[in-house]
Amino acid sequence: MDLTLNIWRQKGPESKGKMVRYEVKEVSEHMSFLEMLDVLNEDLIKKGEDAVAFDHDCREGICGTCALMINGDAHGPEKGTTVCQLHMRKFKDGDKINIEPWRAKAFPVVKDLVVSRSALDRVIQAGGFISANTGGVPDGNAILIPKKDQDTAMDAAVCIGCGACVAACPNASAMLFVAAKVSHLALLPQGKPEAKERVRNMIRSMDDENFGNCTNHYECEAACPKEISVQFIAKMNREYLKSMGESTRLKERLGES
């Protein structure tokens, strides 16, 4: 099939970007979307032109780096997939395809279709982990966990941190991402000792990184390649309110003493 691509080109963070039109010929329907971009870049390099910069790594739907807006959809038109899992059979001969980077204040453009998602890393650094002293740590598999809690925790743990929820949200909110990380650990015994401090720190970090607020559009759930439910946002809100209530009571007790 022959396609017309309108791709966002931007030389650097401080440069002014624009959409540039390219024609690609004889694209196989069996190619992935990234393989199609590889073909385009090979042609550009042969012509002595600058290749289109885009993020990719595993190309197996695991790492979440293949972050692209395709015709206005995060990761493209295929539900529950990343861009590297999107195949060209979802398009037809003669189609025009608009390809842009994630659009969010917290995700500044580095070059072309590449954005910096280090803001998500800093949110994780604020509390998305479990602390344990070395030595004498029990095997995680030896801790009995109800199957319902296991299954729910894994539903949250599948988040790959791609940022599609942020890109799809009209407010550029990271609530689904943070909720998945908070809920995953809050549901497991290993995560409960630090649960209250974790949710406060991660939400504070999310606000500091200039992500927007959630207003229940549910675009995050629709765009998530792992189909994570917005129910985890409600779980995170409950954990946050519970932690703030205990924090307030502690301050009151300290004040009384």
Protein backbone atom coordinates (compact mmCIF):
# COMPACT_ATOMS: atom_id res chain seq x y z
CA MET A 1 0.00 0.00 0.00
CA ASP A 2 1.02 3.62 -0.55
CA LEU A 3 0.62 6.10 2.30
CA THR A 4 0.94 9.81 2.99
CA LEU A 5 2.51 10.63 6.36
CA ASN A 6 2.28 14.00 8.05
CA ILE A 7 5.00 13.87 10.73
CA TRP A 8 5.94 16.37 13.42
CA ARG A 9 9.55 17.50 12.86
CA GLN A 10 11.39 19.51 15.51
CA LYS A 11 15.17 19.80 15.67
CA GLY A 12 15.38 20.34 19.42
CA PRO A 13 13.59 21.45 22.58
CA GLU A 14 14.00 25.14 21.78
CA SER A 15 13.27 24.84 18.06
CA LYS A 16 9.96 25.58 16.41
CA GLY A 17 8.40 22.42 15.02
CA LYS A 18 6.07 21.79 12.11
CA MET A 19 4.27 18.98 10.30
CA VAL A 20 6.16 17.65 7.26
CA ARG A 21 4.61 15.51 4.54
CA TYR A 22 6.22 12.29 3.33
CA GLU A 23 5.15 9.63 0.84
CA VAL A 24 5.92 5.97 1.52
CA LYS A 25 5.42 3.37 -1.18
CA GLU A 26 4.76 -0.37 -1.22
CA VAL A 27 4.20 -0.77 2.51
CA SER A 28 3.40 -4.35 3.47
CA GLU A 29 0.30 -4.91 5.58
CA HIS A 30 2.37 -7.33 7.66
CA MET A 31 4.75 -4.59 8.82
CA SER A 32 4.43 -3.07 12.27
CA PHE A 33 3.98 0.70 12.42
CA LEU A 34 7.57 1.12 13.60
CA GLU A 35 8.87 -1.03 10.75
CA MET A 36 7.04 1.27 8.36
CA LEU A 37 8.84 4.23 9.96
CA ASP A 38 12.12 2.32 9.59
CA VAL A 39 11.45 2.07 5.85
CA LEU A 40 10.77 5.80 5.69
CA ASN A 41 14.00 6.56 7.55
CA GLU A 42 16.03 4.31 5.25
CA ASP A 43 14.73 6.30 2.27
CA LEU A 44 15.48 9.62 4.00
CA ILE A 45 19.03 8.55 4.84
CA LYS A 46 19.64 7.45 1.23
CA LYS A 47 18.55 10.92 0.13
CA GLY A 48 20.94 12.53 2.61
CA GLU A 49 18.10 13.82 4.79
CA ASP A 50 17.75 13.68 8.56
CA ALA A 51 15.91 10.58 9.76
CA VAL A 52 12.78 10.98 11.85
CA ALA A 53 13.65 10.50 15.52
CA PHE A 54 11.26 8.27 17.47
CA ASP A 55 11.58 6.18 20.62
CA HIS A 56 11.63 2.38 20.52
CA ASP A 57 13.26 -0.49 22.37
CA CYS A 58 11.72 -3.92 22.93
CA ARG A 59 9.16 -3.78 20.09
CA GLU A 60 7.15 -6.37 22.00
CA GLY A 61 4.69 -4.16 23.87
CA ILE A 62 6.67 -4.38 27.11
CA CYS A 63 8.84 -1.29 27.53
CA GLY A 64 6.36 1.45 26.61
CA THR A 65 8.86 3.66 24.81
CA CYS A 66 7.09 3.66 21.41
CA ALA A 67 4.99 6.67 22.38
CA LEU A 68 3.25 8.24 19.39
CA MET A 69 -0.03 10.00 18.66
CA ILE A 70 -1.43 8.48 15.46
CA ASN A 71 -4.34 10.37 13.91
CA GLY A 72 -5.03 11.83 17.33
CA ASP A 73 -5.03 8.50 19.18
CA ALA A 74 -2.36 7.54 21.70
CA HIS A 75 -0.65 4.41 20.30
CA GLY A 76 -3.01 4.46 17.32
CA PRO A 77 -6.45 3.02 16.50
CA GLU A 78 -5.90 -0.53 17.83
CA LYS A 79 -7.31 -0.90 21.36
CA GLY A 80 -5.05 -2.47 23.97
CA THR A 81 -1.81 -2.26 21.96
CA THR A 82 1.36 -0.19 21.81
CA VAL A 83 2.62 1.34 18.57
CA CYS A 84 5.11 -1.49 18.04
CA GLN A 85 2.19 -3.95 18.16
CA LEU A 86 0.14 -1.93 15.69
CA HIS A 87 0.27 -3.45 12.21
CA MET A 88 -0.24 -1.71 8.90
CA ARG A 89 -3.24 -3.90 8.08
CA LYS A 90 -5.20 -1.47 10.28
CA PHE A 91 -4.75 1.06 7.47
CA LYS A 92 -5.62 0.98 3.80
CA ASP A 93 -4.00 2.06 0.55
CA GLY A 94 -3.98 5.82 0.09
CA ASP A 95 -4.51 6.66 3.75
CA LYS A 96 -3.18 9.89 5.21
CA ILE A 97 -1.67 9.39 8.68
CA ASN A 98 -0.79 12.17 11.12
CA ILE A 99 2.03 11.26 13.53
CA GLU A 100 2.84 13.46 16.52
CA PRO A 101 4.65 13.20 19.86
CA TRP A 102 2.90 13.10 23.24
CA ARG A 103 1.45 16.54 23.95
CA ALA A 104 1.82 17.49 27.62
CA LYS A 105 3.64 20.19 29.56
CA ALA A 106 5.30 17.50 31.66
CA PHE A 107 6.62 15.76 28.50
CA PRO A 108 8.83 18.31 26.67
CA VAL A 109 9.82 17.43 23.11
CA VAL A 110 13.46 16.37 22.75
CA LYS A 111 13.47 15.92 18.98
CA ASP A 112 10.79 15.13 16.39
CA LEU A 113 8.61 12.42 17.97
CA VAL A 114 10.81 11.90 21.04
CA VAL A 115 9.69 13.41 24.35
CA SER A 116 11.23 13.32 27.81
CA ARG A 117 9.09 11.29 30.20
CA SER A 118 11.53 11.63 33.09
CA ALA A 119 8.70 13.25 35.09
CA LEU A 120 7.20 9.78 35.46
CA ASP A 121 10.54 8.48 36.73
CA ARG A 122 10.63 11.19 39.38
CA VAL A 123 7.13 10.26 40.53
CA ILE A 124 8.31 6.66 40.95
CA GLN A 125 11.41 7.83 42.82
CA ALA A 126 9.14 9.66 45.25
CA GLY A 127 7.67 6.41 46.54
CA GLY A 128 6.98 3.74 43.96
CA PHE A 129 9.11 1.12 45.66
CA ILE A 130 9.32 -1.07 48.76
CA SER A 131 12.12 -0.56 51.29
CA ALA A 132 13.64 -3.61 52.99
CA ASN A 133 16.74 -4.04 55.10
CA THR A 134 19.22 -6.50 53.63
CA GLY A 135 19.56 -9.90 55.26
CA GLY A 136 16.85 -12.17 56.53
CA VAL A 137 14.25 -11.01 54.02
CA PRO A 138 11.59 -13.71 53.50
CA ASP A 139 10.93 -15.03 50.03
CA GLY A 140 8.02 -13.14 48.50
CA ASN A 141 6.45 -16.40 47.35
CA ALA A 142 6.31 -17.57 50.97
CA ILE A 143 3.92 -14.77 51.94
CA LEU A 144 0.31 -15.90 51.62
CA ILE A 145 -1.85 -13.43 49.70
CA PRO A 146 -5.56 -13.87 48.90
CA LYS A 147 -6.06 -14.65 45.21
CA LYS A 148 -8.42 -11.70 44.76
CA ASP A 149 -5.73 -9.32 46.03
CA GLN A 150 -3.10 -11.02 43.86
CA ASP A 151 -5.21 -10.66 40.74
CA THR A 152 -6.12 -7.03 41.42
CA ALA A 153 -2.51 -6.12 42.22
CA MET A 154 -1.36 -7.69 38.95
CA ASP A 155 -4.04 -5.78 37.04
CA ALA A 156 -2.36 -2.60 38.29
CA ALA A 157 1.22 -3.89 37.98
CA VAL A 158 0.92 -4.36 34.20
CA CYS A 159 1.38 -0.59 33.75
CA ILE A 160 4.41 -0.02 31.51
CA GLY A 161 4.70 3.71 32.19
CA CYS A 162 4.31 4.70 28.53
CA GLY A 163 2.42 7.91 29.34
CA ALA A 164 -0.50 7.25 26.98
CA CYS A 165 -2.90 8.13 29.80
CA VAL A 166 -1.27 11.56 30.07
CA ALA A 167 -1.25 12.12 26.30
CA ALA A 168 -4.90 11.11 25.89
CA CYS A 169 -6.22 13.11 28.85
CA PRO A 170 -7.45 16.63 27.95
CA ASN A 171 -5.94 17.77 31.26
CA ALA A 172 -2.65 15.87 30.78
CA SER A 173 -3.31 14.08 34.06
CA ALA A 174 -1.06 11.27 35.29
CA MET A 175 -3.64 9.97 37.74
CA LEU A 176 -4.03 6.53 36.11
CA PHE A 177 -0.26 5.97 36.05
CA VAL A 178 0.20 7.00 39.68
CA ALA A 179 -2.93 5.12 40.76
CA ALA A 180 -1.65 1.91 39.18
CA LYS A 181 1.68 2.17 41.01
CA VAL A 182 0.10 3.12 44.34
CA SER A 183 -2.63 0.46 44.13
CA HIS A 184 -0.28 -2.32 43.09
CA LEU A 185 1.85 -1.89 46.21
CA ALA A 186 -0.99 -0.98 48.58
CA LEU A 187 -2.73 -4.29 47.82
CA LEU A 188 0.27 -6.44 48.76
CA PRO A 189 1.57 -7.15 52.29
CA GLN A 190 5.08 -6.01 51.33
CA GLY A 191 3.77 -2.56 50.40
CA LYS A 192 1.51 -1.88 53.37
CA PRO A 193 4.13 -0.57 55.89
CA GLU A 194 4.94 2.41 53.65
CA ALA A 195 1.51 2.77 52.02
CA LYS A 196 0.51 6.05 53.69
CA GLU A 197 3.82 7.80 53.12
CA ARG A 198 4.01 6.43 49.57
CA VAL A 199 0.68 7.78 48.37
CA ARG A 200 1.33 11.23 49.87
CA ASN A 201 4.79 11.50 48.34
CA MET A 202 3.80 10.24 44.90
CA ILE A 203 0.80 12.54 44.64
CA ARG A 204 2.91 15.48 45.81
CA SER A 205 5.52 14.65 43.18
CA MET A 206 2.84 14.32 40.50
CA ASP A 207 1.56 17.81 41.32
CA ASP A 208 5.10 19.23 41.35
CA GLU A 209 5.70 17.86 37.83
CA ASN A 210 2.82 19.97 36.41
CA PHE A 211 0.52 17.12 35.48
CA GLY A 212 -3.13 18.13 35.28
CA ASN A 213 -6.02 17.03 37.47
CA CYS A 214 -8.47 14.21 36.76
CA THR A 215 -11.98 15.29 35.72
CA ASN A 216 -13.29 11.81 34.86
CA HIS A 217 -13.10 11.89 31.07
CA TYR A 218 -11.94 8.23 31.09
CA GLU A 219 -9.72 8.87 28.06
CA CYS A 220 -6.82 7.42 30.07
CA GLU A 221 -8.52 4.05 30.38
CA ALA A 222 -9.50 4.06 26.69
CA ALA A 223 -5.92 4.81 25.56
CA CYS A 224 -4.05 2.55 27.98
CA PRO A 225 -2.34 -0.26 26.01
CA LYS A 226 -2.69 -2.52 29.06
CA GLU A 227 -6.35 -1.53 29.59
CA ILE A 228 -5.88 -0.53 33.22
CA SER A 229 -9.16 0.43 34.87
CA VAL A 230 -9.94 3.88 36.24
CA GLN A 231 -11.16 2.07 39.35
CA PHE A 232 -7.56 2.26 40.54
CA ILE A 233 -7.86 6.05 40.66
CA ALA A 234 -10.68 5.63 43.19
CA LYS A 235 -8.46 3.22 45.13
CA MET A 236 -5.62 5.78 45.17
CA ASN A 237 -7.98 8.54 46.31
CA ARG A 238 -9.17 6.38 49.19
CA GLU A 239 -5.59 5.58 50.17
CA TYR A 240 -4.71 9.28 50.05
CA LEU A 241 -7.68 10.40 52.15
CA LYS A 242 -6.96 7.65 54.67
CA SER A 243 -3.30 8.68 54.93
CA MET A 244 -4.16 12.37 55.31
CA GLY A 245 -6.69 11.56 58.02
CA GLU A 246 -4.11 9.64 60.04
CA SER A 247 -1.54 12.36 59.45
CA THR A 248 -3.96 14.97 60.80
CA ARG A 249 -4.73 12.87 63.87
CA LEU A 250 -1.01 12.39 64.52
CA LYS A 251 -0.41 16.13 64.36
CA GLU A 252 -3.28 16.71 66.75
CA ARG A 253 -1.82 14.21 69.23
CA LEU A 254 1.63 15.79 68.98
CA GLY A 255 0.08 19.20 69.50
CA GLU A 256 -1.71 18.03 72.60
CA SER A 257 1.49 16.61 74.06
